[in-house]
Structures are given as structure tokens and as C-alpha cells.
Amino acid sequence: MEQQDVYDIEQFCDRHRISKSTYFNLQKAGVGPRVMHVGKRVLITKEAAADWRRAREQATATEAEAAA
């Protein structure tokens, strides 16, 4: 099976086990993944998803250090 190069919002949320409302809250807060618009579709590349995961990991590590 070929791996997708892009996710739509629903696929991204399923893949990352977050709800759509969490996704939209992250976007509103400015910490969601980069998106691209193709017509009326909002797509997230696998690279943007990977960058987003790294950024979330970094933020979590920084928060843990600050709490220590």
C-alpha cells in the first residue's frame, strides 16, 4: 500500500488521534500544522505533519524543563 503524501483534516486527526475540535483549537492558538489550500480543500503534507510533531515534542520538553 502506498503511503499518502498529504492528509485532509479528518485523516490528520485520525492519524494523530486528536479530535477535530482539538485540531481547530490548535490552529486558532497558532500551534497547528502548516496547511495548504487546494481549491476548497485544506491539506497537510506528511512533511508538515512531521514538523508539527517535532514542534509539539520540543514544546513539551521545554514545558517539562520549566516545571522542574
Protein backbone atom coordinates (compact mmCIF):
# COMPACT_ATOMS: atom_id res chain seq x y z
CA MET A 1 0.00 0.00 0.00
CA GLU A 2 1.30 3.43 -0.95
CA GLN A 3 1.72 5.96 1.85
CA GLN A 4 -0.13 9.22 1.36
CA ASP A 5 1.81 12.40 0.74
CA VAL A 6 -0.99 14.56 2.15
CA TYR A 7 -3.76 14.32 4.73
CA ASP A 8 -7.06 16.13 4.80
CA ILE A 9 -8.10 17.42 8.23
CA GLU A 10 -10.06 14.28 9.12
CA GLN A 11 -7.20 11.98 8.10
CA PHE A 12 -4.69 14.11 10.02
CA CYS A 13 -6.84 13.99 13.14
CA ASP A 14 -7.33 10.22 12.84
CA ARG A 15 -3.60 9.67 12.25
CA HIS A 16 -2.63 11.78 15.27
CA ARG A 17 -5.52 10.64 17.47
CA ILE A 18 -6.90 14.08 18.12
CA SER A 19 -10.44 15.37 17.67
CA LYS A 20 -11.36 17.89 15.01
CA SER A 21 -12.19 20.41 17.73
CA THR A 22 -8.69 19.97 19.18
CA TYR A 23 -7.24 20.46 15.69
CA PHE A 24 -9.16 23.71 15.22
CA ASN A 25 -8.21 24.91 18.72
CA LEU A 26 -4.54 24.23 17.92
CA GLN A 27 -4.86 26.16 14.65
CA LYS A 28 -6.59 29.05 16.43
CA ALA A 29 -3.78 29.13 19.02
CA GLY A 30 -1.19 29.22 16.23
CA VAL A 31 0.35 25.85 17.08
CA GLY A 32 -1.33 23.64 14.49
CA PRO A 33 0.37 22.13 11.45
CA ARG A 34 1.11 24.12 8.29
CA VAL A 35 -1.66 23.71 5.73
CA MET A 36 -2.10 24.25 2.03
CA HIS A 37 -5.33 25.13 0.28
CA VAL A 38 -6.19 23.32 -2.93
CA GLY A 39 -9.50 24.63 -4.15
CA LYS A 40 -11.82 24.26 -1.19
CA ARG A 41 -9.73 21.50 0.39
CA VAL A 42 -7.34 22.05 3.27
CA LEU A 43 -4.42 19.64 3.10
CA ILE A 44 -1.47 18.89 5.36
CA THR A 45 1.65 17.36 3.83
CA LYS A 46 3.39 14.49 5.59
CA GLU A 47 6.40 16.81 6.00
CA ALA A 48 4.23 19.46 7.68
CA ALA A 49 2.78 16.77 9.95
CA ALA A 50 6.27 15.58 10.91
CA ASP A 51 7.40 19.18 11.56
CA TRP A 52 4.33 19.71 13.73
CA ARG A 53 5.06 16.56 15.77
CA ARG A 54 8.67 17.69 16.33
CA ALA A 55 7.49 21.15 17.40
CA ARG A 56 4.98 19.63 19.85
CA GLU A 57 7.69 17.35 21.26
CA GLN A 58 10.03 20.33 21.66
CA ALA A 59 7.32 22.40 23.37
CA THR A 60 6.54 19.53 25.74
CA ALA A 61 10.22 19.12 26.63
CA THR A 62 10.58 22.87 27.21
CA GLU A 63 7.49 22.93 29.45
CA ALA A 64 8.81 19.96 31.44
CA GLU A 65 12.17 21.68 31.96
CA ALA A 66 10.47 24.87 33.09
CA ALA A 67 8.37 22.94 35.60
CA ALA A 68 11.41 21.18 37.08
